Amino acid sequence: RDSVAQGLRLFLWGLFKKIVIANNLYEPVSQVYNGVHNYTG
């Protein structure tokens, strides 16, 4: 039971990092690199 509980907590933590943080930082990064010559400064 403890191992399963640890696994579920870790999965939830990873899901939070991916969806709440990474995905919301990705859009500007992707936008600039897909048209880098349109940006400066």
ModelCIF file with pLDDT and N, C-alpha, C, O atoms, coordinates in Angstrom:
data_MODEL
#
_entry.id   MODEL 
#
_entity.id                         1 
_entity.type                       polymer 
_entity.pdbx_number_of_molecules   1 
#
_entity_poly.entity_id                      1 
_entity_poly.type                           'polypeptide(L)' 
_entity_poly.nstd_linkage                   no 
_entity_poly.nstd_monomer                   no 
_entity_poly.pdbx_seq_one_letter_code       RDSVAQGLRLFLWGLFKKIVIANNLYEPVSQVYNGVHNYTG 
_entity_poly.pdbx_seq_one_letter_code_can   RDSVAQGLRLFLWGLFKKIVIANNLYEPVSQVYNGVHNYTG 
_entity_poly.pdbx_strand_id                 A 
#
loop_
_entity_poly_seq.entity_id 
_entity_poly_seq.num 
_entity_poly_seq.mon_id 
_entity_poly_seq.hetero 
1 1  ARG n 
1 2  ASP n 
1 3  SER n 
1 4  VAL n 
1 5  ALA n 
1 6  GLN n 
1 7  GLY n 
1 8  LEU n 
1 9  ARG n 
1 10 LEU n 
1 11 PHE n 
1 12 LEU n 
1 13 TRP n 
1 14 GLY n 
1 15 LEU n 
1 16 PHE n 
1 17 LYS n 
1 18 LYS n 
1 19 ILE n 
1 20 VAL n 
1 21 ILE n 
1 22 ALA n 
1 23 ASN n 
1 24 ASN n 
1 25 LEU n 
1 26 TYR n 
1 27 GLU n 
1 28 PRO n 
1 29 VAL n 
1 30 SER n 
1 31 GLN n 
1 32 VAL n 
1 33 TYR n 
1 34 ASN n 
1 35 GLY n 
1 36 VAL n 
1 37 HIS n 
1 38 ASN n 
1 39 TYR n 
1 40 THR n 
1 41 GLY n 
#
_struct_asym.id          A 
_struct_asym.entity_id   1 
#
loop_
_ma_qa_metric.id 
_ma_qa_metric.mode 
_ma_qa_metric.name 
_ma_qa_metric.software_group_id 
_ma_qa_metric.type 
1 global pLDDT . pLDDT 
2 local  pLDDT . pLDDT 
#
_ma_qa_metric_global.metric_id      1 
_ma_qa_metric_global.metric_value   91.73 
_ma_qa_metric_global.model_id       1 
_ma_qa_metric_global.ordinal_id     1 
#
loop_
_ma_qa_metric_local.label_asym_id 
_ma_qa_metric_local.label_comp_id 
_ma_qa_metric_local.label_seq_id 
_ma_qa_metric_local.metric_id 
_ma_qa_metric_local.metric_value 
_ma_qa_metric_local.model_id 
_ma_qa_metric_local.ordinal_id 
A ARG 1  2 89.00 1 1  
A ASP 2  2 90.00 1 2  
A SER 3  2 91.00 1 3  
A VAL 4  2 93.00 1 4  
A ALA 5  2 94.00 1 5  
A GLN 6  2 94.00 1 6  
A GLY 7  2 95.00 1 7  
A LEU 8  2 95.00 1 8  
A ARG 9  2 95.00 1 9  
A LEU 10 2 95.00 1 10 
A PHE 11 2 96.00 1 11 
A LEU 12 2 95.00 1 12 
A TRP 13 2 95.00 1 13 
A GLY 14 2 95.00 1 14 
A LEU 15 2 95.00 1 15 
A PHE 16 2 96.00 1 16 
A LYS 17 2 96.00 1 17 
A LYS 18 2 95.00 1 18 
A ILE 19 2 94.00 1 19 
A VAL 20 2 94.00 1 20 
A ILE 21 2 95.00 1 21 
A ALA 22 2 95.00 1 22 
A ASN 23 2 93.00 1 23 
A ASN 24 2 92.00 1 24 
A LEU 25 2 92.00 1 25 
A TYR 26 2 91.00 1 26 
A GLU 27 2 86.00 1 27 
A PRO 28 2 87.00 1 28 
A VAL 29 2 91.00 1 29 
A SER 30 2 91.00 1 30 
A GLN 31 2 89.00 1 31 
A VAL 32 2 90.00 1 32 
A TYR 33 2 93.00 1 33 
A ASN 34 2 90.00 1 34 
A GLY 35 2 89.00 1 35 
A VAL 36 2 89.00 1 36 
A HIS 37 2 90.00 1 37 
A ASN 38 2 87.00 1 38 
A TYR 39 2 85.00 1 39 
A THR 40 2 83.00 1 40 
A GLY 41 2 81.00 1 41 
#
loop_
_atom_site.group_PDB 
_atom_site.id 
_atom_site.type_symbol 
_atom_site.label_atom_id 
_atom_site.label_alt_id 
_atom_site.label_comp_id 
_atom_site.label_asym_id 
_atom_site.label_entity_id 
_atom_site.label_seq_id 
_atom_site.pdbx_PDB_ins_code 
_atom_site.Cartn_x 
_atom_site.Cartn_y 
_atom_site.Cartn_z 
_atom_site.occupancy 
_atom_site.B_iso_or_equiv 
_atom_site.pdbx_formal_charge 
_atom_site.auth_seq_id 
_atom_site.auth_comp_id 
_atom_site.auth_asym_id 
_atom_site.auth_atom_id 
_atom_site.pdbx_PDB_model_num 
ATOM 1   N N  . ARG A 1 1  ? 0.815  -1.209 0.000   1.00 89.00 ? 1  ARG A N  1 
ATOM 2   C CA . ARG A 1 1  ? 0.000  0.000  0.000   1.00 89.00 ? 1  ARG A CA 1 
ATOM 3   C C  . ARG A 1 1  ? 0.853  1.266  0.000   1.00 89.00 ? 1  ARG A C  1 
ATOM 4   O O  . ARG A 1 1  ? 0.539  2.224  -0.706  1.00 89.00 ? 1  ARG A O  1 
ATOM 5   N N  . ASP A 1 2  ? 1.930  1.275  0.786   1.00 90.00 ? 2  ASP A N  1 
ATOM 6   C CA . ASP A 1 2  ? 2.793  2.461  0.870   1.00 90.00 ? 2  ASP A CA 1 
ATOM 7   C C  . ASP A 1 2  ? 3.460  2.753  -0.472  1.00 90.00 ? 2  ASP A C  1 
ATOM 8   O O  . ASP A 1 2  ? 3.568  3.907  -0.887  1.00 90.00 ? 2  ASP A O  1 
ATOM 9   N N  . SER A 1 3  ? 3.901  1.697  -1.138  1.00 91.00 ? 3  SER A N  1 
ATOM 10  C CA . SER A 1 3  ? 4.553  1.872  -2.441  1.00 91.00 ? 3  SER A CA 1 
ATOM 11  C C  . SER A 1 3  ? 3.574  2.446  -3.464  1.00 91.00 ? 3  SER A C  1 
ATOM 12  O O  . SER A 1 3  ? 3.924  3.339  -4.235  1.00 91.00 ? 3  SER A O  1 
ATOM 13  N N  . VAL A 1 4  ? 2.363  1.931  -3.464  1.00 93.00 ? 4  VAL A N  1 
ATOM 14  C CA . VAL A 1 4  ? 1.329  2.430  -4.392  1.00 93.00 ? 4  VAL A CA 1 
ATOM 15  C C  . VAL A 1 4  ? 1.002  3.879  -4.075  1.00 93.00 ? 4  VAL A C  1 
ATOM 16  O O  . VAL A 1 4  ? 0.864  4.698  -4.984  1.00 93.00 ? 4  VAL A O  1 
ATOM 17  N N  . ALA A 1 5  ? 0.874  4.207  -2.788  1.00 94.00 ? 5  ALA A N  1 
ATOM 18  C CA . ALA A 1 5  ? 0.570  5.593  -2.388  1.00 94.00 ? 5  ALA A CA 1 
ATOM 19  C C  . ALA A 1 5  ? 1.687  6.539  -2.824  1.00 94.00 ? 5  ALA A C  1 
ATOM 20  O O  . ALA A 1 5  ? 1.424  7.636  -3.317  1.00 94.00 ? 5  ALA A O  1 
ATOM 21  N N  . GLN A 1 6  ? 2.940  6.105  -2.639  1.00 94.00 ? 6  GLN A N  1 
ATOM 22  C CA . GLN A 1 6  ? 4.077  6.924  -3.073  1.00 94.00 ? 6  GLN A CA 1 
ATOM 23  C C  . GLN A 1 6  ? 4.045  7.131  -4.577  1.00 94.00 ? 6  GLN A C  1 
ATOM 24  O O  . GLN A 1 6  ? 4.307  8.229  -5.069  1.00 94.00 ? 6  GLN A O  1 
ATOM 25  N N  . GLY A 1 7  ? 3.724  6.072  -5.304  1.00 95.00 ? 7  GLY A N  1 
ATOM 26  C CA . GLY A 1 7  ? 3.658  6.164  -6.758  1.00 95.00 ? 7  GLY A CA 1 
ATOM 27  C C  . GLY A 1 7  ? 2.586  7.132  -7.227  1.00 95.00 ? 7  GLY A C  1 
ATOM 28  O O  . GLY A 1 7  ? 2.814  7.918  -8.146  1.00 95.00 ? 7  GLY A O  1 
ATOM 29  N N  . LEU A 1 8  ? 1.426  7.077  -6.605  1.00 95.00 ? 8  LEU A N  1 
ATOM 30  C CA . LEU A 1 8  ? 0.334  7.979  -6.982  1.00 95.00 ? 8  LEU A CA 1 
ATOM 31  C C  . LEU A 1 8  ? 0.675  9.432  -6.674  1.00 95.00 ? 8  LEU A C  1 
ATOM 32  O O  . LEU A 1 8  ? 0.367  10.327 -7.462  1.00 95.00 ? 8  LEU A O  1 
ATOM 33  N N  . ARG A 1 9  ? 1.314  9.668  -5.519  1.00 95.00 ? 9  ARG A N  1 
ATOM 34  C CA . ARG A 1 9  ? 1.732  11.038 -5.173  1.00 95.00 ? 9  ARG A CA 1 
ATOM 35  C C  . ARG A 1 9  ? 2.748  11.563 -6.177  1.00 95.00 ? 9  ARG A C  1 
ATOM 36  O O  . ARG A 1 9  ? 2.667  12.711 -6.613  1.00 95.00 ? 9  ARG A O  1 
ATOM 37  N N  . LEU A 1 10 ? 3.699  10.717 -6.536  1.00 95.00 ? 10 LEU A N  1 
ATOM 38  C CA . LEU A 1 10 ? 4.739  11.133 -7.467  1.00 95.00 ? 10 LEU A CA 1 
ATOM 39  C C  . LEU A 1 10 ? 4.143  11.409 -8.853  1.00 95.00 ? 10 LEU A C  1 
ATOM 40  O O  . LEU A 1 10 ? 4.530  12.367 -9.522  1.00 95.00 ? 10 LEU A O  1 
ATOM 41  N N  . PHE A 1 11 ? 3.212  10.574 -9.268  1.00 96.00 ? 11 PHE A N  1 
ATOM 42  C CA . PHE A 1 11 ? 2.554  10.782 -10.557 1.00 96.00 ? 11 PHE A CA 1 
ATOM 43  C C  . PHE A 1 11 ? 1.772  12.097 -10.560 1.00 96.00 ? 11 PHE A C  1 
ATOM 44  O O  . PHE A 1 11 ? 1.831  12.854 -11.529 1.00 96.00 ? 11 PHE A O  1 
ATOM 45  N N  . LEU A 1 12 ? 1.049  12.366 -9.488  1.00 95.00 ? 12 LEU A N  1 
ATOM 46  C CA . LEU A 1 12 ? 0.288  13.614 -9.376  1.00 95.00 ? 12 LEU A CA 1 
ATOM 47  C C  . LEU A 1 12 ? 1.224  14.820 -9.400  1.00 95.00 ? 12 LEU A C  1 
ATOM 48  O O  . LEU A 1 12 ? 0.923  15.827 -10.042 1.00 95.00 ? 12 LEU A O  1 
ATOM 49  N N  . TRP A 1 13 ? 2.339  14.725 -8.716  1.00 95.00 ? 13 TRP A N  1 
ATOM 50  C CA . TRP A 1 13 ? 3.310  15.819 -8.683  1.00 95.00 ? 13 TRP A CA 1 
ATOM 51  C C  . TRP A 1 13 ? 3.875  16.082 -10.077 1.00 95.00 ? 13 TRP A C  1 
ATOM 52  O O  . TRP A 1 13 ? 4.018  17.233 -10.490 1.00 95.00 ? 13 TRP A O  1 
ATOM 53  N N  . GLY A 1 14 ? 4.191  15.015 -10.790 1.00 95.00 ? 14 GLY A N  1 
ATOM 54  C CA . GLY A 1 14 ? 4.692  15.165 -12.158 1.00 95.00 ? 14 GLY A CA 1 
ATOM 55  C C  . GLY A 1 14 ? 3.655  15.762 -13.080 1.00 95.00 ? 14 GLY A C  1 
ATOM 56  O O  . GLY A 1 14 ? 3.972  16.583 -13.941 1.00 95.00 ? 14 GLY A O  1 
ATOM 57  N N  . LEU A 1 15 ? 2.408  15.346 -12.898 1.00 95.00 ? 15 LEU A N  1 
ATOM 58  C CA . LEU A 1 15 ? 1.311  15.884 -13.706 1.00 95.00 ? 15 LEU A CA 1 
ATOM 59  C C  . LEU A 1 15 ? 1.144  17.381 -13.463 1.00 95.00 ? 15 LEU A C  1 
ATOM 60  O O  . LEU A 1 15 ? 0.905  18.143 -14.399 1.00 95.00 ? 15 LEU A O  1 
ATOM 61  N N  . PHE A 1 16 ? 1.271  17.797 -12.213 1.00 96.00 ? 16 PHE A N  1 
ATOM 62  C CA . PHE A 1 16 ? 1.189  19.227 -11.870 1.00 96.00 ? 16 PHE A CA 1 
ATOM 63  C C  . PHE A 1 16 ? 2.321  19.996 -12.548 1.00 96.00 ? 16 PHE A C  1 
ATOM 64  O O  . PHE A 1 16 ? 2.090  21.040 -13.158 1.00 96.00 ? 16 PHE A O  1 
ATOM 65  N N  . LYS A 1 17 ? 3.540  19.480 -12.440 1.00 96.00 ? 17 LYS A N  1 
ATOM 66  C CA . LYS A 1 17 ? 4.686  20.167 -13.044 1.00 96.00 ? 17 LYS A CA 1 
ATOM 67  C C  . LYS A 1 17 ? 4.528  20.301 -14.556 1.00 96.00 ? 17 LYS A C  1 
ATOM 68  O O  . LYS A 1 17 ? 4.867  21.332 -15.136 1.00 96.00 ? 17 LYS A O  1 
ATOM 69  N N  . LYS A 1 18 ? 4.017  19.260 -15.180 1.00 95.00 ? 18 LYS A N  1 
ATOM 70  C CA . LYS A 1 18 ? 3.864  19.280 -16.639 1.00 95.00 ? 18 LYS A CA 1 
ATOM 71  C C  . LYS A 1 18 ? 2.747  20.216 -17.085 1.00 95.00 ? 18 LYS A C  1 
ATOM 72  O O  . LYS A 1 18 ? 2.965  21.073 -17.941 1.00 95.00 ? 18 LYS A O  1 
ATOM 73  N N  . ILE A 1 19 ? 1.546  20.061 -16.509 1.00 94.00 ? 19 ILE A N  1 
ATOM 74  C CA . ILE A 1 19 ? 0.374  20.780 -17.011 1.00 94.00 ? 19 ILE A CA 1 
ATOM 75  C C  . ILE A 1 19 ? 0.317  22.218 -16.519 1.00 94.00 ? 19 ILE A C  1 
ATOM 76  O O  . ILE A 1 19 ? 0.045  23.133 -17.296 1.00 94.00 ? 19 ILE A O  1 
ATOM 77  N N  . VAL A 1 20 ? 0.571  22.416 -15.240 1.00 94.00 ? 20 VAL A N  1 
ATOM 78  C CA . VAL A 1 20 ? 0.407  23.765 -14.672 1.00 94.00 ? 20 VAL A CA 1 
ATOM 79  C C  . VAL A 1 20 ? 1.609  24.654 -14.983 1.00 94.00 ? 20 VAL A C  1 
ATOM 80  O O  . VAL A 1 20 ? 1.447  25.851 -15.220 1.00 94.00 ? 20 VAL A O  1 
ATOM 81  N N  . ILE A 1 21 ? 2.807  24.082 -14.984 1.00 95.00 ? 21 ILE A N  1 
ATOM 82  C CA . ILE A 1 21 ? 4.003  24.913 -15.196 1.00 95.00 ? 21 ILE A CA 1 
ATOM 83  C C  . ILE A 1 21 ? 4.548  24.773 -16.619 1.00 95.00 ? 21 ILE A C  1 
ATOM 84  O O  . ILE A 1 21 ? 4.582  25.750 -17.367 1.00 95.00 ? 21 ILE A O  1 
ATOM 85  N N  . ALA A 1 22 ? 4.974  23.568 -16.994 1.00 95.00 ? 22 ALA A N  1 
ATOM 86  C CA . ALA A 1 22 ? 5.663  23.395 -18.280 1.00 95.00 ? 22 ALA A CA 1 
ATOM 87  C C  . ALA A 1 22 ? 4.812  23.822 -19.472 1.00 95.00 ? 22 ALA A C  1 
ATOM 88  O O  . ALA A 1 22 ? 5.271  24.587 -20.321 1.00 95.00 ? 22 ALA A O  1 
ATOM 89  N N  . ASN A 1 23 ? 3.583  23.334 -19.539 1.00 93.00 ? 23 ASN A N  1 
ATOM 90  C CA . ASN A 1 23 ? 2.746  23.655 -20.695 1.00 93.00 ? 23 ASN A CA 1 
ATOM 91  C C  . ASN A 1 23 ? 2.488  25.150 -20.839 1.00 93.00 ? 23 ASN A C  1 
ATOM 92  O O  . ASN A 1 23 ? 2.381  25.656 -21.956 1.00 93.00 ? 23 ASN A O  1 
ATOM 93  N N  . ASN A 1 24 ? 2.388  25.855 -19.731 1.00 92.00 ? 24 ASN A N  1 
ATOM 94  C CA . ASN A 1 24 ? 2.110  27.294 -19.790 1.00 92.00 ? 24 ASN A CA 1 
ATOM 95  C C  . ASN A 1 24 ? 3.354  28.126 -20.062 1.00 92.00 ? 24 ASN A C  1 
ATOM 96  O O  . ASN A 1 24 ? 3.251  29.300 -20.417 1.00 92.00 ? 24 ASN A O  1 
ATOM 97  N N  . LEU A 1 25 ? 4.534  27.524 -19.897 1.00 92.00 ? 25 LEU A N  1 
ATOM 98  C CA . LEU A 1 25 ? 5.769  28.198 -20.296 1.00 92.00 ? 25 LEU A CA 1 
ATOM 99  C C  . LEU A 1 25 ? 6.151  27.863 -21.735 1.00 92.00 ? 25 LEU A C  1 
ATOM 100 O O  . LEU A 1 25 ? 6.941  28.566 -22.364 1.00 92.00 ? 25 LEU A O  1 
ATOM 101 N N  . TYR A 1 26 ? 5.574  26.777 -22.241 1.00 91.00 ? 26 TYR A N  1 
ATOM 102 C CA . TYR A 1 26 ? 5.941  26.298 -23.579 1.00 91.00 ? 26 TYR A CA 1 
ATOM 103 C C  . TYR A 1 26 ? 5.495  27.227 -24.699 1.00 91.00 ? 26 TYR A C  1 
ATOM 104 O O  . TYR A 1 26 ? 6.236  27.445 -25.657 1.00 91.00 ? 26 TYR A O  1 
ATOM 105 N N  . GLU A 1 27 ? 4.295  27.774 -24.586 1.00 86.00 ? 27 GLU A N  1 
ATOM 106 C CA . GLU A 1 27 ? 3.729  28.552 -25.692 1.00 86.00 ? 27 GLU A CA 1 
ATOM 107 C C  . GLU A 1 27 ? 4.638  29.699 -26.145 1.00 86.00 ? 27 GLU A C  1 
ATOM 108 O O  . GLU A 1 27 ? 4.928  29.791 -27.338 1.00 86.00 ? 27 GLU A O  1 
ATOM 109 N N  . PRO A 1 28 ? 5.107  30.588 -25.235 1.00 87.00 ? 28 PRO A N  1 
ATOM 110 C CA . PRO A 1 28 ? 6.010  31.660 -25.681 1.00 87.00 ? 28 PRO A CA 1 
ATOM 111 C C  . PRO A 1 28 ? 7.324  31.128 -26.248 1.00 87.00 ? 28 PRO A C  1 
ATOM 112 O O  . PRO A 1 28 ? 7.836  31.660 -27.234 1.00 87.00 ? 28 PRO A O  1 
ATOM 113 N N  . VAL A 1 29 ? 7.871  30.084 -25.633 1.00 91.00 ? 29 VAL A N  1 
ATOM 114 C CA . VAL A 1 29 ? 9.119  29.500 -26.122 1.00 91.00 ? 29 VAL A CA 1 
ATOM 115 C C  . VAL A 1 29 ? 8.929  28.961 -27.531 1.00 91.00 ? 29 VAL A C  1 
ATOM 116 O O  . VAL A 1 29 ? 9.742  29.220 -28.418 1.00 91.00 ? 29 VAL A O  1 
ATOM 117 N N  . SER A 1 30 ? 7.859  28.217 -27.732 1.00 91.00 ? 30 SER A N  1 
ATOM 118 C CA . SER A 1 30 ? 7.556  27.657 -29.055 1.00 91.00 ? 30 SER A CA 1 
ATOM 119 C C  . SER A 1 30 ? 7.302  28.755 -30.078 1.00 91.00 ? 30 SER A C  1 
ATOM 120 O O  . SER A 1 30 ? 7.781  28.679 -31.210 1.00 91.00 ? 30 SER A O  1 
ATOM 121 N N  . GLN A 1 31 ? 6.557  29.765 -29.684 1.00 89.00 ? 31 GLN A N  1 
ATOM 122 C CA . GLN A 1 31 ? 6.214  30.859 -30.593 1.00 89.00 ? 31 GLN A CA 1 
ATOM 123 C C  . GLN A 1 31 ? 7.465  31.576 -31.100 1.00 89.00 ? 31 GLN A C  1 
ATOM 124 O O  . GLN A 1 31 ? 7.574  31.876 -32.289 1.00 89.00 ? 31 GLN A O  1 
ATOM 125 N N  . VAL A 1 32 ? 8.398  31.845 -30.207 1.00 90.00 ? 32 VAL A N  1 
ATOM 126 C CA . VAL A 1 32 ? 9.620  32.560 -30.600 1.00 90.00 ? 32 VAL A CA 1 
ATOM 127 C C  . VAL A 1 32 ? 10.507 31.680 -31.474 1.00 90.00 ? 32 VAL A C  1 
ATOM 128 O O  . VAL A 1 32 ? 11.016 32.146 -32.493 1.00 90.00 ? 32 VAL A O  1 
ATOM 129 N N  . TYR A 1 33 ? 10.702 30.418 -31.097 1.00 93.00 ? 33 TYR A N  1 
ATOM 130 C CA . TYR A 1 33 ? 11.601 29.571 -31.884 1.00 93.00 ? 33 TYR A CA 1 
ATOM 131 C C  . TYR A 1 33 ? 11.016 29.190 -33.238 1.00 93.00 ? 33 TYR A C  1 
ATOM 132 O O  . TYR A 1 33 ? 11.766 28.879 -34.163 1.00 93.00 ? 33 TYR A O  1 
ATOM 133 N N  . ASN A 1 34 ? 9.713  29.208 -33.372 1.00 90.00 ? 34 ASN A N  1 
ATOM 134 C CA . ASN A 1 34 ? 9.101  28.920 -34.672 1.00 90.00 ? 34 ASN A CA 1 
ATOM 135 C C  . ASN A 1 34 ? 9.185  30.098 -35.635 1.00 90.00 ? 34 ASN A C  1 
ATOM 136 O O  . ASN A 1 34 ? 8.950  29.944 -36.833 1.00 90.00 ? 34 ASN A O  1 
ATOM 137 N N  . GLY A 1 35 ? 9.517  31.268 -35.112 1.00 89.00 ? 35 GLY A N  1 
ATOM 138 C CA . GLY A 1 35 ? 9.692  32.438 -35.968 1.00 89.00 ? 35 GLY A CA 1 
ATOM 139 C C  . GLY A 1 35 ? 10.721 33.369 -35.376 1.00 89.00 ? 35 GLY A C  1 
ATOM 140 O O  . GLY A 1 35 ? 10.466 34.561 -35.208 1.00 89.00 ? 35 GLY A O  1 
ATOM 141 N N  . VAL A 1 36 ? 11.895 32.823 -35.055 1.00 89.00 ? 36 VAL A N  1 
ATOM 142 C CA . VAL A 1 36 ? 12.886 33.557 -34.277 1.00 89.00 ? 36 VAL A CA 1 
ATOM 143 C C  . VAL A 1 36 ? 13.313 34.864 -34.935 1.00 89.00 ? 36 VAL A C  1 
ATOM 144 O O  . VAL A 1 36 ? 13.664 35.814 -34.235 1.00 89.00 ? 36 VAL A O  1 
ATOM 145 N N  . HIS A 1 37 ? 13.291 34.933 -36.256 1.00 90.00 ? 37 HIS A N  1 
ATOM 146 C CA . HIS A 1 37 ? 13.734 36.144 -36.957 1.00 90.00 ? 37 HIS A CA 1 
ATOM 147 C C  . HIS A 1 37 ? 12.738 37.296 -36.828 1.00 90.00 ? 37 HIS A C  1 
ATOM 148 O O  . HIS A 1 37 ? 13.014 38.410 -37.274 1.00 90.00 ? 37 HIS A O  1 
ATOM 149 N N  . ASN A 1 38 ? 11.610 37.036 -36.231 1.00 87.00 ? 38 ASN A N  1 
ATOM 150 C CA . ASN A 1 38 ? 10.623 38.098 -36.006 1.00 87.00 ? 38 ASN A CA 1 
ATOM 151 C C  . ASN A 1 38 ? 10.799 38.776 -34.641 1.00 87.00 ? 38 ASN A C  1 
ATOM 152 O O  . ASN A 1 38 ? 10.046 39.689 -34.301 1.00 87.00 ? 38 ASN A O  1 
ATOM 153 N N  . TYR A 1 39 ? 11.786 38.333 -33.866 1.00 85.00 ? 39 TYR A N  1 
ATOM 154 C CA . TYR A 1 39 ? 11.924 38.837 -32.493 1.00 85.00 ? 39 TYR A CA 1 
ATOM 155 C C  . TYR A 1 39 ? 13.338 39.362 -32.242 1.00 85.00 ? 39 TYR A C  1 
ATOM 156 O O  . TYR A 1 39 ? 14.313 38.893 -32.830 1.00 85.00 ? 39 TYR A O  1 
ATOM 157 N N  . THR A 1 40 ? 13.413 40.327 -31.367 1.00 83.00 ? 40 THR A N  1 
ATOM 158 C CA . THR A 1 40 ? 14.701 40.856 -30.905 1.00 83.00 ? 40 THR A CA 1 
ATOM 159 C C  . THR A 1 40 ? 14.559 41.285 -29.442 1.00 83.00 ? 40 THR A C  1 
ATOM 160 O O  . THR A 1 40 ? 13.458 41.315 -28.893 1.00 83.00 ? 40 THR A O  1 
ATOM 161 N N  . GLY A 1 41 ? 15.688 41.615 -28.832 1.00 81.00 ? 41 GLY A N  1 
ATOM 162 C CA . GLY A 1 41 ? 15.691 42.268 -27.527 1.00 81.00 ? 41 GLY A CA 1 
ATOM 163 C C  . GLY A 1 41 ? 14.944 41.555 -26.429 1.00 81.00 ? 41 GLY A C  1 
ATOM 164 O O  . GLY A 1 41 ? 14.898 42.039 -25.298 1.00 81.00 ? 41 GLY A O  1 
#
